[in-house]
Amino acid sequence: MTPGLPELLALVLGGGGLAAIQGAIRAVAAYRDGARARERDVLADSESWRRAVYDDLQHMEDSRDWWRQRAAELWQQCVEHGGHPGPLGSPPPRSTNHT
């Protein structure tokens, strides 16, 4: 006769199986808690990196705009004082090669 579910449970739980099951449950819970903590750390790091990149981008754009304005002012001053500067022209074409 093969043992049924009650007999199997009695064998497993009576032979230290309960401790093994509890240990496995605790291990899974600890792993999940650790994974959540790592995810929080990764998200916090990603957010700080995103903010740093955004700040750098803003600084770069502000610097670019300042130099562009300064070049236009110098060009205008040259024209006002009788100079004949070359045309401001258009920016060079954007490179599509991203190596």
N, C-alpha and C. Protein backbone atom coordinates (compact mmCIF):
# COMPACT_ATOMS: atom_id res chain seq x y z
N MET A 1 0.85 -1.18 0.00
CA MET A 1 0.00 0.00 0.00
C MET A 1 0.90 1.24 0.00
N THR A 2 0.58 2.20 -0.81
CA THR A 2 1.38 3.42 -0.89
C THR A 2 0.88 4.41 0.15
N PRO A 3 1.81 5.19 0.74
CA PRO A 3 1.37 6.16 1.75
C PRO A 3 0.62 7.32 1.11
N GLY A 4 -0.38 7.81 1.80
CA GLY A 4 -1.16 8.94 1.32
C GLY A 4 -0.56 10.26 1.80
N LEU A 5 -1.25 11.30 1.54
CA LEU A 5 -0.77 12.63 1.92
C LEU A 5 -0.60 12.78 3.42
N PRO A 6 -1.53 12.33 4.25
CA PRO A 6 -1.32 12.47 5.70
C PRO A 6 -0.08 11.74 6.18
N GLU A 7 0.14 10.54 5.64
CA GLU A 7 1.32 9.80 6.05
C GLU A 7 2.61 10.48 5.60
N LEU A 8 2.62 11.00 4.38
CA LEU A 8 3.80 11.71 3.88
C LEU A 8 4.09 12.96 4.70
N LEU A 9 3.04 13.71 5.04
CA LEU A 9 3.23 14.90 5.86
C LEU A 9 3.77 14.55 7.23
N ALA A 10 3.24 13.47 7.81
CA ALA A 10 3.71 13.03 9.13
C ALA A 10 5.19 12.64 9.05
N LEU A 11 5.58 11.97 7.99
CA LEU A 11 6.98 11.58 7.83
C LEU A 11 7.88 12.80 7.66
N VAL A 12 7.46 13.70 6.80
CA VAL A 12 8.28 14.89 6.51
C VAL A 12 8.36 15.79 7.73
N LEU A 13 7.22 16.07 8.34
CA LEU A 13 7.20 16.99 9.47
C LEU A 13 7.83 16.36 10.71
N GLY A 14 7.69 15.08 10.85
CA GLY A 14 8.25 14.40 12.02
C GLY A 14 9.76 14.26 11.91
N GLY A 15 10.30 14.21 10.73
CA GLY A 15 11.73 13.98 10.55
C GLY A 15 12.53 15.24 10.34
N GLY A 16 12.08 16.37 10.84
CA GLY A 16 12.82 17.63 10.67
C GLY A 16 12.48 18.33 9.37
N GLY A 17 11.49 17.81 8.69
CA GLY A 17 11.08 18.43 7.42
C GLY A 17 10.52 19.83 7.62
N LEU A 18 9.86 20.02 8.78
CA LEU A 18 9.28 21.34 9.06
C LEU A 18 10.38 22.39 9.15
N ALA A 19 11.47 22.04 9.81
CA ALA A 19 12.59 22.97 9.92
C ALA A 19 13.17 23.26 8.54
N ALA A 20 13.26 22.25 7.70
CA ALA A 20 13.79 22.44 6.35
C ALA A 20 12.88 23.34 5.53
N ILE A 21 11.57 23.13 5.66
CA ILE A 21 10.61 23.96 4.94
C ILE A 21 10.68 25.40 5.44
N GLN A 22 10.73 25.58 6.76
CA GLN A 22 10.83 26.93 7.31
C GLN A 22 12.14 27.60 6.88
N GLY A 23 13.22 26.84 6.86
CA GLY A 23 14.50 27.38 6.42
C GLY A 23 14.45 27.83 4.97
N ALA A 24 13.79 27.01 4.14
CA ALA A 24 13.67 27.37 2.73
C ALA A 24 12.83 28.63 2.56
N ILE A 25 11.74 28.72 3.33
CA ILE A 25 10.88 29.90 3.26
C ILE A 25 11.64 31.13 3.72
N ARG A 26 12.41 31.01 4.78
CA ARG A 26 13.21 32.13 5.28
C ARG A 26 14.27 32.54 4.25
N ALA A 27 14.89 31.56 3.62
CA ALA A 27 15.91 31.85 2.62
C ALA A 27 15.32 32.61 1.44
N VAL A 28 14.14 32.18 0.99
CA VAL A 28 13.48 32.88 -0.12
C VAL A 28 13.10 34.29 0.30
N ALA A 29 12.58 34.45 1.51
CA ALA A 29 12.20 35.78 1.99
C ALA A 29 13.43 36.68 2.11
N ALA A 30 14.53 36.14 2.62
CA ALA A 30 15.76 36.94 2.75
C ALA A 30 16.29 37.33 1.38
N TYR A 31 16.22 36.39 0.43
CA TYR A 31 16.67 36.68 -0.92
C TYR A 31 15.82 37.79 -1.54
N ARG A 32 14.50 37.70 -1.35
CA ARG A 32 13.61 38.73 -1.90
C ARG A 32 13.88 40.08 -1.25
N ASP A 33 14.08 40.09 0.08
CA ASP A 33 14.38 41.35 0.77
C ASP A 33 15.70 41.92 0.27
N GLY A 34 16.69 41.07 0.08
CA GLY A 34 17.97 41.52 -0.45
C GLY A 34 17.84 42.06 -1.86
N ALA A 35 17.03 41.38 -2.68
CA ALA A 35 16.82 41.84 -4.05
C ALA A 35 16.12 43.20 -4.04
N ARG A 36 15.17 43.37 -3.15
CA ARG A 36 14.48 44.67 -3.07
C ARG A 36 15.44 45.77 -2.66
N ALA A 37 16.31 45.46 -1.71
CA ALA A 37 17.29 46.46 -1.26
C ALA A 37 18.23 46.81 -2.40
N ARG A 38 18.68 45.81 -3.14
CA ARG A 38 19.56 46.08 -4.28
C ARG A 38 18.83 46.90 -5.33
N GLU A 39 17.56 46.58 -5.57
CA GLU A 39 16.78 47.34 -6.55
C GLU A 39 16.65 48.79 -6.11
N ARG A 40 16.41 49.01 -4.81
CA ARG A 40 16.32 50.39 -4.31
C ARG A 40 17.64 51.11 -4.50
N ASP A 41 18.74 50.42 -4.23
CA ASP A 41 20.06 51.04 -4.42
C ASP A 41 20.30 51.37 -5.88
N VAL A 42 19.95 50.44 -6.75
CA VAL A 42 20.15 50.67 -8.19
C VAL A 42 19.29 51.84 -8.64
N LEU A 43 18.04 51.88 -8.19
CA LEU A 43 17.17 53.00 -8.58
C LEU A 43 17.69 54.33 -8.06
N ALA A 44 18.18 54.34 -6.82
CA ALA A 44 18.73 55.57 -6.26
C ALA A 44 19.97 56.00 -7.03
N ASP A 45 20.84 55.05 -7.35
CA ASP A 45 22.03 55.37 -8.14
C ASP A 45 21.65 55.88 -9.53
N SER A 46 20.69 55.20 -10.16
CA SER A 46 20.26 55.62 -11.49
C SER A 46 19.69 57.05 -11.45
N GLU A 47 18.92 57.34 -10.42
CA GLU A 47 18.36 58.69 -10.30
C GLU A 47 19.46 59.73 -10.11
N SER A 48 20.45 59.42 -9.27
CA SER A 48 21.53 60.39 -9.07
C SER A 48 22.35 60.56 -10.35
N TRP A 49 22.56 59.47 -11.08
CA TRP A 49 23.29 59.58 -12.35
C TRP A 49 22.49 60.39 -13.35
N ARG A 50 21.18 60.16 -13.40
CA ARG A 50 20.33 60.91 -14.33
C ARG A 50 20.38 62.40 -14.01
N ARG A 51 20.30 62.73 -12.72
CA ARG A 51 20.37 64.13 -12.32
C ARG A 51 21.72 64.75 -12.68
N ALA A 52 22.81 64.01 -12.48
CA ALA A 52 24.13 64.52 -12.81
C ALA A 52 24.25 64.76 -14.31
N VAL A 53 23.75 63.83 -15.11
CA VAL A 53 23.80 64.00 -16.56
C VAL A 53 22.95 65.20 -16.98
N TYR A 54 21.78 65.34 -16.39
CA TYR A 54 20.92 66.48 -16.71
C TYR A 54 21.61 67.80 -16.34
N ASP A 55 22.24 67.85 -15.17
CA ASP A 55 22.96 69.07 -14.76
C ASP A 55 24.10 69.37 -15.73
N ASP A 56 24.84 68.34 -16.14
CA ASP A 56 25.93 68.54 -17.10
C ASP A 56 25.38 69.02 -18.44
N LEU A 57 24.27 68.46 -18.86
CA LEU A 57 23.65 68.88 -20.12
C LEU A 57 23.21 70.34 -20.04
N GLN A 58 22.60 70.71 -18.93
CA GLN A 58 22.18 72.11 -18.76
C GLN A 58 23.39 73.04 -18.80
N HIS A 59 24.47 72.66 -18.11
CA HIS A 59 25.67 73.49 -18.10
C HIS A 59 26.24 73.62 -19.52
N MET A 60 26.26 72.51 -20.26
CA MET A 60 26.77 72.54 -21.62
C MET A 60 25.92 73.45 -22.51
N GLU A 61 24.60 73.35 -22.39
CA GLU A 61 23.72 74.19 -23.19
C GLU A 61 23.86 75.66 -22.82
N ASP A 62 23.98 75.95 -21.52
CA ASP A 62 24.17 77.34 -21.09
C ASP A 62 25.48 77.89 -21.64
N SER A 63 26.54 77.10 -21.59
CA SER A 63 27.83 77.52 -22.11
C SER A 63 27.76 77.74 -23.62
N ARG A 64 27.12 76.81 -24.31
CA ARG A 64 26.96 76.95 -25.77
C ARG A 64 26.20 78.22 -26.10
N ASP A 65 25.11 78.48 -25.40
CA ASP A 65 24.31 79.67 -25.66
C ASP A 65 25.09 80.95 -25.36
N TRP A 66 25.91 80.92 -24.29
CA TRP A 66 26.71 82.10 -23.96
C TRP A 66 27.70 82.40 -25.08
N TRP A 67 28.40 81.37 -25.56
CA TRP A 67 29.37 81.58 -26.63
C TRP A 67 28.69 81.99 -27.92
N ARG A 68 27.55 81.45 -28.21
CA ARG A 68 26.81 81.83 -29.41
C ARG A 68 26.40 83.30 -29.34
N GLN A 69 25.89 83.72 -28.17
CA GLN A 69 25.51 85.11 -27.98
C GLN A 69 26.72 86.03 -28.08
N ARG A 70 27.83 85.61 -27.48
CA ARG A 70 29.06 86.41 -27.52
C ARG A 70 29.55 86.57 -28.95
N ALA A 71 29.52 85.52 -29.75
CA ALA A 71 29.94 85.61 -31.14
C ALA A 71 29.04 86.56 -31.92
N ALA A 72 27.73 86.49 -31.68
CA ALA A 72 26.81 87.40 -32.37
C ALA A 72 27.06 88.85 -31.96
N GLU A 73 27.36 89.09 -30.67
CA GLU A 73 27.66 90.46 -30.21
C GLU A 73 28.93 90.99 -30.86
N LEU A 74 29.97 90.15 -30.93
CA LEU A 74 31.22 90.59 -31.56
C LEU A 74 31.01 90.86 -33.05
N TRP A 75 30.25 90.04 -33.71
CA TRP A 75 29.95 90.24 -35.13
C TRP A 75 29.22 91.56 -35.32
N GLN A 76 28.23 91.82 -34.46
CA GLN A 76 27.46 93.06 -34.55
C GLN A 76 28.34 94.28 -34.28
N GLN A 77 29.24 94.20 -33.28
CA GLN A 77 30.14 95.31 -33.00
C GLN A 77 31.06 95.58 -34.18
N CYS A 78 31.52 94.54 -34.82
CA CYS A 78 32.38 94.70 -35.99
C CYS A 78 31.63 95.42 -37.11
N VAL A 79 30.38 95.05 -37.34
CA VAL A 79 29.56 95.69 -38.37
C VAL A 79 29.32 97.15 -38.01
N GLU A 80 29.01 97.43 -36.74
CA GLU A 80 28.72 98.80 -36.30
C GLU A 80 29.94 99.71 -36.44
N HIS A 81 31.13 99.16 -36.37
CA HIS A 81 32.34 99.98 -36.46
C HIS A 81 32.97 99.93 -37.84
N GLY A 82 32.19 99.60 -38.84
CA GLY A 82 32.65 99.66 -40.22
C GLY A 82 33.38 98.43 -40.71
N GLY A 83 33.39 97.41 -39.96
CA GLY A 83 34.05 96.19 -40.39
C GLY A 83 33.20 95.40 -41.36
N HIS A 84 33.80 94.46 -42.01
CA HIS A 84 33.08 93.59 -42.96
C HIS A 84 33.37 92.13 -42.61
N PRO A 85 32.77 91.66 -41.51
CA PRO A 85 33.02 90.26 -41.14
C PRO A 85 32.34 89.32 -42.12
N GLY A 86 32.85 88.16 -42.18
CA GLY A 86 32.22 87.15 -43.05
C GLY A 86 30.84 86.79 -42.51
N PRO A 87 30.07 86.10 -43.32
CA PRO A 87 28.73 85.71 -42.84
C PRO A 87 28.85 84.75 -41.66
N LEU A 88 27.83 84.82 -40.81
CA LEU A 88 27.83 83.93 -39.66
C LEU A 88 27.73 82.48 -40.11
N GLY A 89 27.02 82.26 -41.18
CA GLY A 89 26.93 80.91 -41.73
C GLY A 89 26.08 79.98 -40.87
N SER A 90 26.05 78.78 -41.29
CA SER A 90 25.29 77.77 -40.55
C SER A 90 26.27 76.81 -39.91
N PRO A 91 25.82 76.13 -38.87
CA PRO A 91 26.72 75.18 -38.21
C PRO A 91 27.08 74.03 -39.14
N PRO A 92 28.19 73.38 -38.90
CA PRO A 92 28.55 72.24 -39.75
C PRO A 92 27.51 71.13 -39.61
N PRO A 93 27.42 70.28 -40.62
CA PRO A 93 26.43 69.19 -40.51
C PRO A 93 26.77 68.27 -39.36
N ARG A 94 25.74 67.72 -38.80
CA ARG A 94 25.90 66.81 -37.67
C ARG A 94 26.43 65.47 -38.14
N SER A 95 27.39 64.96 -37.41
CA SER A 95 27.96 63.66 -37.74
C SER A 95 27.00 62.56 -37.31
N THR A 96 26.81 61.58 -38.17
CA THR A 96 25.96 60.44 -37.82
C THR A 96 26.78 59.25 -37.40
N ASN A 97 28.11 59.39 -37.45
CA ASN A 97 28.99 58.30 -37.06
C ASN A 97 29.24 58.40 -35.56
N HIS A 98 28.63 57.50 -34.79
CA HIS A 98 28.75 57.51 -33.33
C HIS A 98 29.68 56.38 -32.89
N THR A 99 30.98 56.62 -33.00
CA THR A 99 31.92 55.57 -32.60
C THR A 99 32.44 55.82 -31.23
